Amino acid sequence: MLRPKGQKENPQLTFFTKFTRIFMMLMTLVYIALGILIIFAPEAMRLSFSNEIRYALGGILILYGVVRFVRAYQRNKRNTEDNGYED
């Protein structure tokens, strides 16, 4: 639909978009929590890895969670600015 120049439509977020945003943030928390759990509570997960492997695996999961959060945040911010969405 055509609209006058300078006016932006303010479309509402769809259920799928909201669900995707929440899911991305939830998964970042899951990766970070799992990394912390592997490093600090291996007996809770019944892991029999050496300390070096535990720290490496936990560190990788924490780093991946942080990278995933940054990417999700940037994507969310870019989409919000491009489409004129407001929560």
PDB file of N, CA and C in Angstrom:
ATOM      1  N   MET A   1       0.837  -1.163   0.000  1.00  0.00           N
ATOM      2  CA  MET A   1       0.000   0.000   0.000  1.00  0.00           C
ATOM      3  C   MET A   1       0.891   1.238   0.000  1.00  0.00           C
ATOM      4  N   LEU A   2       0.513   2.204  -0.802  1.00  0.00           N
ATOM      5  CA  LEU A   2       1.296   3.424  -0.893  1.00  0.00           C
ATOM      6  C   LEU A   2       0.983   4.336   0.279  1.00  0.00           C
ATOM      7  N   ARG A   3       2.005   5.017   0.745  1.00  0.00           N
ATOM      8  CA  ARG A   3       1.813   5.976   1.830  1.00  0.00           C
ATOM      9  C   ARG A   3       2.628   7.221   1.502  1.00  0.00           C
ATOM     10  N   PRO A   4       2.239   8.351   2.056  1.00  0.00           N
ATOM     11  CA  PRO A   4       2.981   9.583   1.779  1.00  0.00           C
ATOM     12  C   PRO A   4       4.421   9.467   2.258  1.00  0.00           C
ATOM     13  N   LYS A   5       5.310  10.184   1.559  1.00  0.00           N
ATOM     14  CA  LYS A   5       6.724  10.156   1.938  1.00  0.00           C
ATOM     15  C   LYS A   5       6.894  10.723   3.338  1.00  0.00           C
ATOM     16  N   GLY A   6       7.825  10.139   4.073  1.00  0.00           N
ATOM     17  CA  GLY A   6       8.105  10.614   5.415  1.00  0.00           C
ATOM     18  C   GLY A   6       7.297   9.913   6.493  1.00  0.00           C
ATOM     19  N   GLN A   7       6.223   9.231   6.110  1.00  0.00           N
ATOM     20  CA  GLN A   7       5.438   8.509   7.106  1.00  0.00           C
ATOM     21  C   GLN A   7       5.841   7.044   7.081  1.00  0.00           C
ATOM     22  N   LYS A   8       6.047   6.507   8.257  1.00  0.00           N
ATOM     23  CA  LYS A   8       6.367   5.084   8.366  1.00  0.00           C
ATOM     24  C   LYS A   8       5.187   4.365   8.961  1.00  0.00           C
ATOM     25  N   GLU A   9       4.952   3.185   8.416  1.00  0.00           N
ATOM     26  CA  GLU A   9       3.955   2.333   9.051  1.00  0.00           C
ATOM     27  C   GLU A   9       4.552   1.795  10.331  1.00  0.00           C
ATOM     28  N   ASN A  10       3.711   1.467  11.294  1.00  0.00           N
ATOM     29  CA  ASN A  10       4.171   0.904  12.548  1.00  0.00           C
ATOM     30  C   ASN A  10       3.578  -0.495  12.682  1.00  0.00           C
ATOM     31  N   PRO A  11       4.139  -1.459  11.939  1.00  0.00           N
ATOM     32  CA  PRO A  11       3.580  -2.805  12.002  1.00  0.00           C
ATOM     33  C   PRO A  11       3.836  -3.454  13.355  1.00  0.00           C
ATOM     34  N   GLN A  12       2.922  -4.258  13.785  1.00  0.00           N
ATOM     35  CA  GLN A  12       3.083  -4.994  15.035  1.00  0.00           C
ATOM     36  C   GLN A  12       3.917  -6.243  14.786  1.00  0.00           C
ATOM     37  N   LEU A  13       4.648  -6.657  15.807  1.00  0.00           N
ATOM     38  CA  LEU A  13       5.445  -7.874  15.701  1.00  0.00           C
ATOM     39  C   LEU A  13       4.526  -9.082  15.636  1.00  0.00           C
ATOM     40  N   THR A  14       4.873 -10.018  14.787  1.00  0.00           N
ATOM     41  CA  THR A  14       4.099 -11.244  14.706  1.00  0.00           C
ATOM     42  C   THR A  14       4.476 -12.165  15.868  1.00  0.00           C
ATOM     43  N   PHE A  15       3.642 -13.136  16.103  1.00  0.00           N
ATOM     44  CA  PHE A  15       3.915 -14.112  17.172  1.00  0.00           C
ATOM     45  C   PHE A  15       5.227 -14.835  16.899  1.00  0.00           C
ATOM     46  N   PHE A  16       5.461 -15.203  15.643  1.00  0.00           N
ATOM     47  CA  PHE A  16       6.675 -15.930  15.286  1.00  0.00           C
ATOM     48  C   PHE A  16       7.916 -15.086  15.556  1.00  0.00           C
ATOM     49  N   THR A  17       7.867 -13.798  15.249  1.00  0.00           N
ATOM     50  CA  THR A  17       9.006 -12.917  15.487  1.00  0.00           C
ATOM     51  C   THR A  17       9.296 -12.796  16.981  1.00  0.00           C
ATOM     52  N   LYS A  18       8.258 -12.627  17.769  1.00  0.00           N
ATOM     53  CA  LYS A  18       8.442 -12.537  19.221  1.00  0.00           C
ATOM     54  C   LYS A  18       8.994 -13.844  19.770  1.00  0.00           C
ATOM     55  N   PHE A  19       8.448 -14.959  19.303  1.00  0.00           N
ATOM     56  CA  PHE A  19       8.908 -16.266  19.756  1.00  0.00           C
ATOM     57  C   PHE A  19      10.373 -16.477  19.392  1.00  0.00           C
ATOM     58  N   THR A  20      10.762 -16.082  18.189  1.00  0.00           N
ATOM     59  CA  THR A  20      12.145 -16.245  17.739  1.00  0.00           C
ATOM     60  C   THR A  20      13.095 -15.435  18.602  1.00  0.00           C
ATOM     61  N   ARG A  21      12.722 -14.199  18.915  1.00  0.00           N
ATOM     62  CA  ARG A  21      13.570 -13.365  19.763  1.00  0.00           C
ATOM     63  C   ARG A  21      13.747 -13.984  21.146  1.00  0.00           C
ATOM     64  N   ILE A  22      12.672 -14.435  21.729  1.00  0.00           N
ATOM     65  CA  ILE A  22      12.739 -15.043  23.058  1.00  0.00           C
ATOM     66  C   ILE A  22      13.557 -16.326  23.019  1.00  0.00           C
ATOM     67  N   PHE A  23      13.358 -17.138  21.985  1.00  0.00           N
ATOM     68  CA  PHE A  23      14.081 -18.394  21.860  1.00  0.00           C
ATOM     69  C   PHE A  23      15.580 -18.155  21.705  1.00  0.00           C
ATOM     70  N   MET A  24      15.965 -17.158  20.899  1.00  0.00           N
ATOM     71  CA  MET A  24      17.392 -16.868  20.722  1.00  0.00           C
ATOM     72  C   MET A  24      18.034 -16.452  22.042  1.00  0.00           C
ATOM     73  N   MET A  25      17.367 -15.616  22.806  1.00  0.00           N
ATOM     74  CA  MET A  25      17.913 -15.178  24.084  1.00  0.00           C
ATOM     75  C   MET A  25      17.958 -16.333  25.092  1.00  0.00           C
ATOM     76  N   LEU A  26      16.945 -17.167  25.078  1.00  0.00           N
ATOM     77  CA  LEU A  26      16.916 -18.318  25.979  1.00  0.00           C
ATOM     78  C   LEU A  26      18.058 -19.281  25.672  1.00  0.00           C
ATOM     79  N   MET A  27      18.319 -19.509  24.399  1.00  0.00           N
ATOM     80  CA  MET A  27      19.396 -20.427  24.035  1.00  0.00           C
ATOM     81  C   MET A  27      20.772 -19.864  24.412  1.00  0.00           C
ATOM     82  N   THR A  28      20.938 -18.553  24.353  1.00  0.00           N
ATOM     83  CA  THR A  28      22.213 -17.995  24.797  1.00  0.00           C
ATOM     84  C   THR A  28      22.415 -18.262  26.284  1.00  0.00           C
ATOM     85  N   LEU A  29      21.359 -18.121  27.057  1.00  0.00           N
ATOM     86  CA  LEU A  29      21.457 -18.411  28.492  1.00  0.00           C
ATOM     87  C   LEU A  29      21.740 -19.889  28.743  1.00  0.00           C
ATOM     88  N   VAL A  30      21.152 -20.764  27.939  1.00  0.00           N
ATOM     89  CA  VAL A  30      21.375 -22.206  28.101  1.00  0.00           C
ATOM     90  C   VAL A  30      22.841 -22.546  27.838  1.00  0.00           C
ATOM     91  N   TYR A  31      23.417 -21.997  26.757  1.00  0.00           N
ATOM     92  CA  TYR A  31      24.825 -22.284  26.453  1.00  0.00           C
ATOM     93  C   TYR A  31      25.750 -21.775  27.553  1.00  0.00           C
ATOM     94  N   ILE A  32      25.512 -20.563  28.023  1.00  0.00           N
ATOM     95  CA  ILE A  32      26.357 -19.995  29.076  1.00  0.00           C
ATOM     96  C   ILE A  32      26.213 -20.792  30.361  1.00  0.00           C
ATOM     97  N   ALA A  33      24.982 -21.143  30.729  1.00  0.00           N
ATOM     98  CA  ALA A  33      24.758 -21.909  31.959  1.00  0.00           C
ATOM     99  C   ALA A  33      25.385 -23.300  31.866  1.00  0.00           C
ATOM    100  N   LEU A  34      25.275 -23.923  30.717  1.00  0.00           N
ATOM    101  CA  LEU A  34      25.873 -25.247  30.540  1.00  0.00           C
ATOM    102  C   LEU A  34      27.395 -25.177  30.646  1.00  0.00           C
ATOM    103  N   GLY A  35      27.999 -24.133  30.069  1.00  0.00           N
ATOM    104  CA  GLY A  35      29.446 -23.960  30.182  1.00  0.00           C
ATOM    105  C   GLY A  35      29.880 -23.777  31.624  1.00  0.00           C
ATOM    106  N   ILE A  36      29.137 -22.964  32.366  1.00  0.00           N
ATOM    107  CA  ILE A  36      29.450 -22.747  33.785  1.00  0.00           C
ATOM    108  C   ILE A  36      29.270 -24.035  34.574  1.00  0.00           C
ATOM    109  N   LEU A  37      28.226 -24.766  34.279  1.00  0.00           N
ATOM    110  CA  LEU A  37      27.970 -26.027  34.976  1.00  0.00           C
ATOM    111  C   LEU A  37      29.071 -27.043  34.704  1.00  0.00           C
ATOM    112  N   ILE A  38      29.532 -27.120  33.481  1.00  0.00           N
ATOM    113  CA  ILE A  38      30.604 -28.062  33.149  1.00  0.00           C
ATOM    114  C   ILE A  38      31.894 -27.696  33.874  1.00  0.00           C
ATOM    115  N   ILE A  39      32.179 -26.406  33.973  1.00  0.00           N
ATOM    116  CA  ILE A  39      33.419 -25.980  34.628  1.00  0.00           C
ATOM    117  C   ILE A  39      33.353 -26.174  36.145  1.00  0.00           C
ATOM    118  N   PHE A  40      32.267 -25.744  36.763  1.00  0.00           N
ATOM    119  CA  PHE A  40      32.233 -25.679  38.220  1.00  0.00           C
ATOM    120  C   PHE A  40      31.512 -26.843  38.903  1.00  0.00           C
ATOM    121  N   ALA A  41      30.734 -27.614  38.190  1.00  0.00           N
ATOM    122  CA  ALA A  41      30.007 -28.716  38.831  1.00  0.00           C
ATOM    123  C   ALA A  41      30.008 -29.964  37.950  1.00  0.00           C
ATOM    124  N   PRO A  42      31.184 -30.517  37.665  1.00  0.00           N
ATOM    125  CA  PRO A  42      31.219 -31.692  36.792  1.00  0.00           C
ATOM    126  C   PRO A  42      30.573 -32.925  37.426  1.00  0.00           C
ATOM    127  N   GLU A  43      30.597 -32.977  38.762  1.00  0.00           N
ATOM    128  CA  GLU A  43      29.997 -34.143  39.424  1.00  0.00           C
ATOM    129  C   GLU A  43      28.481 -34.142  39.284  1.00  0.00           C
ATOM    130  N   ALA A  44      27.870 -32.978  39.128  1.00  0.00           N
ATOM    131  CA  ALA A  44      26.419 -32.902  38.929  1.00  0.00           C
ATOM    132  C   ALA A  44      26.034 -33.502  37.584  1.00  0.00           C
ATOM    133  N   MET A  45      26.942 -33.427  36.606  1.00  0.00           N
ATOM    134  CA  MET A  45      26.662 -33.977  35.282  1.00  0.00           C
ATOM    135  C   MET A  45      27.329 -35.330  35.075  1.00  0.00           C
ATOM    136  N   ARG A  46      28.018 -35.790  36.103  1.00  0.00           N
ATOM    137  CA  ARG A  46      28.727 -37.078  36.065  1.00  0.00           C
ATOM    138  C   ARG A  46      29.719 -37.151  34.903  1.00  0.00           C
ATOM    139  N   LEU A  47      30.521 -36.113  34.790  1.00  0.00           N
ATOM    140  CA  LEU A  47      31.537 -36.052  33.745  1.00  0.00           C
ATOM    141  C   LEU A  47      32.844 -36.631  34.270  1.00  0.00           C
ATOM    142  N   SER A  48      33.514 -37.370  33.435  1.00  0.00           N
ATOM    143  CA  SER A  48      34.799 -37.930  33.837  1.00  0.00           C
ATOM    144  C   SER A  48      35.910 -37.427  32.917  1.00  0.00           C
ATOM    145  N   PHE A  49      35.821 -36.156  32.545  1.00  0.00           N
ATOM    146  CA  PHE A  49      36.857 -35.541  31.719  1.00  0.00           C
ATOM    147  C   PHE A  49      37.976 -35.027  32.615  1.00  0.00           C
ATOM    148  N   SER A  50      39.127 -34.840  32.001  1.00  0.00           N
ATOM    149  CA  SER A  50      40.210 -34.194  32.752  1.00  0.00           C
ATOM    150  C   SER A  50      39.873 -32.712  32.914  1.00  0.00           C
ATOM    151  N   ASN A  51      40.571 -32.061  33.837  1.00  0.00           N
ATOM    152  CA  ASN A  51      40.308 -30.645  34.091  1.00  0.00           C
ATOM    153  C   ASN A  51      40.516 -29.785  32.848  1.00  0.00           C
ATOM    154  N   GLU A  52      41.540 -30.073  32.066  1.00  0.00           N
ATOM    155  CA  GLU A  52      41.822 -29.276  30.868  1.00  0.00           C
ATOM    156  C   GLU A  52      40.675 -29.361  29.866  1.00  0.00           C
ATOM    157  N   ILE A  53      40.161 -30.553  29.679  1.00  0.00           N
ATOM    158  CA  ILE A  53      39.054 -30.737  28.726  1.00  0.00           C
ATOM    159  C   ILE A  53      37.792 -30.067  29.253  1.00  0.00           C
ATOM    160  N   ARG A  54      37.533 -30.192  30.554  1.00  0.00           N
ATOM    161  CA  ARG A  54      36.365 -29.531  31.157  1.00  0.00           C
ATOM    162  C   ARG A  54      36.427 -28.024  30.965  1.00  0.00           C
ATOM    163  N   TYR A  55      37.589 -27.427  31.271  1.00  0.00           N
ATOM    164  CA  TYR A  55      37.737 -25.981  31.142  1.00  0.00           C
ATOM    165  C   TYR A  55      37.621 -25.545  29.683  1.00  0.00           C
ATOM    166  N   ALA A  56      38.200 -26.317  28.783  1.00  0.00           N
ATOM    167  CA  ALA A  56      38.132 -25.973  27.359  1.00  0.00           C
ATOM    168  C   ALA A  56      36.686 -26.056  26.856  1.00  0.00           C
ATOM    169  N   LEU A  57      36.008 -27.146  27.176  1.00  0.00           N
ATOM    170  CA  LEU A  57      34.625 -27.315  26.724  1.00  0.00           C
ATOM    171  C   LEU A  57      33.707 -26.264  27.353  1.00  0.00           C
ATOM    172  N   GLY A  58      33.864 -26.030  28.632  1.00  0.00           N
ATOM    173  CA  GLY A  58      33.055 -25.010  29.297  1.00  0.00           C
ATOM    174  C   GLY A  58      33.325 -23.626  28.745  1.00  0.00           C
ATOM    175  N   GLY A  59      34.600 -23.316  28.500  1.00  0.00           N
ATOM    176  CA  GLY A  59      34.963 -22.021  27.935  1.00  0.00           C
ATOM    177  C   GLY A  59      34.417 -21.820  26.539  1.00  0.00           C
ATOM    178  N   ILE A  60      34.471 -22.866  25.739  1.00  0.00           N
ATOM    179  CA  ILE A  60      33.920 -22.785  24.378  1.00  0.00           C
ATOM    180  C   ILE A  60      32.414 -22.540  24.422  1.00  0.00           C
ATOM    181  N   LEU A  61      31.709 -23.237  25.301  1.00  0.00           N
ATOM    182  CA  LEU A  61      30.262 -23.039  25.409  1.00  0.00           C
ATOM    183  C   LEU A  61      29.912 -21.632  25.892  1.00  0.00           C
ATOM    184  N   ILE A  62      30.663 -21.132  26.854  1.00  0.00           N
ATOM    185  CA  ILE A  62      30.416 -19.773  27.342  1.00  0.00           C
ATOM    186  C   ILE A  62      30.708 -18.761  26.239  1.00  0.00           C
ATOM    187  N   LEU A  63      31.825 -18.927  25.557  1.00  0.00           N
ATOM    188  CA  LEU A  63      32.169 -18.021  24.465  1.00  0.00           C
ATOM    189  C   LEU A  63      31.123 -18.068  23.359  1.00  0.00           C
ATOM    190  N   TYR A  64      30.669 -19.261  22.994  1.00  0.00           N
ATOM    191  CA  TYR A  64      29.643 -19.396  21.967  1.00  0.00           C
ATOM    192  C   TYR A  64      28.344 -18.724  22.410  1.00  0.00           C
ATOM    193  N   GLY A  65      27.988 -18.861  23.667  1.00  0.00           N
ATOM    194  CA  GLY A  65      26.787 -18.205  24.173  1.00  0.00           C
ATOM    195  C   GLY A  65      26.885 -16.696  24.089  1.00  0.00           C
ATOM    196  N   VAL A  66      28.053 -16.150  24.415  1.00  0.00           N
ATOM    197  CA  VAL A  66      28.250 -14.701  24.343  1.00  0.00           C
ATOM    198  C   VAL A  66      28.197 -14.230  22.893  1.00  0.00           C
ATOM    199  N   VAL A  67      28.873 -14.943  21.995  1.00  0.00           N
ATOM    200  CA  VAL A  67      28.850 -14.580  20.567  1.00  0.00           C
ATOM    201  C   VAL A  67      27.427 -14.655  20.029  1.00  0.00           C
ATOM    202  N   ARG A  68      26.715 -15.682  20.402  1.00  0.00           N
ATOM    203  CA  ARG A  68      25.329 -15.837  19.949  1.00  0.00           C
ATOM    204  C   ARG A  68      24.450 -14.703  20.472  1.00  0.00           C
ATOM    205  N   PHE A  69      24.676 -14.271  21.716  1.00  0.00           N
ATOM    206  CA  PHE A  69      23.915 -13.158  22.275  1.00  0.00           C
ATOM    207  C   PHE A  69      24.194 -11.873  21.506  1.00  0.00           C
ATOM    208  N   VAL A  70      25.469 -11.603  21.227  1.00  0.00           N
ATOM    209  CA  VAL A  70      25.827 -10.382  20.505  1.00  0.00           C
ATOM    210  C   VAL A  70      25.198 -10.383  19.113  1.00  0.00           C
ATOM    211  N   ARG A  71      25.274 -11.509  18.425  1.00  0.00           N
ATOM    212  CA  ARG A  71      24.681 -11.592  17.090  1.00  0.00           C
ATOM    213  C   ARG A  71      23.170 -11.433  17.137  1.00  0.00           C
ATOM    214  N   ALA A  72      22.516 -12.035  18.113  1.00  0.00           N
ATOM    215  CA  ALA A  72      21.064 -11.915  18.244  1.00  0.00           C
ATOM    216  C   ALA A  72      20.672 -10.479  18.573  1.00  0.00           C
ATOM    217  N   TYR A  73      21.446  -9.832  19.435  1.00  0.00           N
ATOM    218  CA  TYR A  73      21.160  -8.446  19.797  1.00  0.00           C
ATOM    219  C   TYR A  73      21.306  -7.525  18.587  1.00  0.00           C
ATOM    220  N   GLN A  74      22.398  -7.698  17.827  1.00  0.00           N
ATOM    221  CA  GLN A  74      22.613  -6.872  16.643  1.00  0.00           C
ATOM    222  C   GLN A  74      21.529  -7.105  15.603  1.00  0.00           C
ATOM    223  N   ARG A  75      21.155  -8.353  15.413  1.00  0.00           N
ATOM    224  CA  ARG A  75      20.101  -8.686  14.444  1.00  0.00           C
ATOM    225  C   ARG A  75      18.772  -8.072  14.876  1.00  0.00           C
ATOM    226  N   ASN A  76      18.465  -8.176  16.140  1.00  0.00           N
ATOM    227  CA  ASN A  76      17.232  -7.616  16.670  1.00  0.00           C
ATOM    228  C   ASN A  76      17.218  -6.096  16.503  1.00  0.00           C
ATOM    229  N   LYS A  77      18.325  -5.455  16.824  1.00  0.00           N
ATOM    230  CA  LYS A  77      18.414  -4.008  16.712  1.00  0.00           C
ATOM    231  C   LYS A  77      18.291  -3.560  15.257  1.00  0.00           C
ATOM    232  N   ARG A  78      18.979  -4.257  14.362  1.00  0.00           N
ATOM    233  CA  ARG A  78      18.927  -3.919  12.935  1.00  0.00           C
ATOM    234  C   ARG A  78      17.517  -4.086  12.379  1.00  0.00           C
ATOM    235  N   ASN A  79      16.860  -5.189  12.709  1.00  0.00           N
ATOM    236  CA  ASN A  79      15.508  -5.432  12.214  1.00  0.00           C
ATOM    237  C   ASN A  79      14.533  -4.413  12.777  1.00  0.00           C
ATOM    238  N   THR A  80      14.711  -4.047  14.027  1.00  0.00           N
ATOM    239  CA  THR A  80      13.825  -3.054  14.651  1.00  0.00           C
ATOM    240  C   THR A  80      13.973  -1.709  13.958  1.00  0.00           C
ATOM    241  N   GLU A  81      15.214  -1.310  13.697  1.00  0.00           N
ATOM    242  CA  GLU A  81      15.437  -0.014  13.045  1.00  0.00           C
ATOM    243  C   GLU A  81      14.967  -0.026  11.588  1.00  0.00           C
ATOM    244  N   ASP A  82      15.226  -1.113  10.868  1.00  0.00           N
ATOM    245  CA  ASP A  82      14.849  -1.187   9.451  1.00  0.00           C
ATOM    246  C   ASP A  82      13.345  -1.199   9.246  1.00  0.00           C
ATOM    247  N   ASN A  83      12.640  -1.904  10.124  1.00  0.00           N
ATOM    248  CA  ASN A  83      11.206  -2.090   9.912  1.00  0.00           C
ATOM    249  C   ASN A  83      10.347  -1.147  10.731  1.00  0.00           C
ATOM    250  N   GLY A  84      10.937  -0.388  11.610  1.00  0.00           N
ATOM    251  CA  GLY A  84      10.159   0.545  12.412  1.00  0.00           C
ATOM    252  C   GLY A  84       9.291  -0.134  13.454  1.00  0.00           C
ATOM    253  N   TYR A  85       9.693  -1.312  13.906  1.00  0.00           N
ATOM    254  CA  TYR A  85       8.919  -2.025  14.932  1.00  0.00           C
ATOM    255  C   TYR A  85       9.065  -1.352  16.275  1.00  0.00           C
ATOM    256  N   GLU A  86       8.034  -1.409  17.044  1.00  0.00           N
ATOM    257  CA  GLU A  86       8.089  -0.996  18.440  1.00  0.00           C
ATOM    258  C   GLU A  86       7.446  -2.090  19.254  1.00  0.00           C
ATOM    259  N   ASP A  87       8.088  -2.420  20.370  1.00  0.00           N
ATOM    260  CA  ASP A  87       7.524  -3.467  21.245  1.00  0.00           C
ATOM    261  C   ASP A  87       6.367  -2.938  22.047  1.00  0.00           C
TER     262      ASP A  87
END
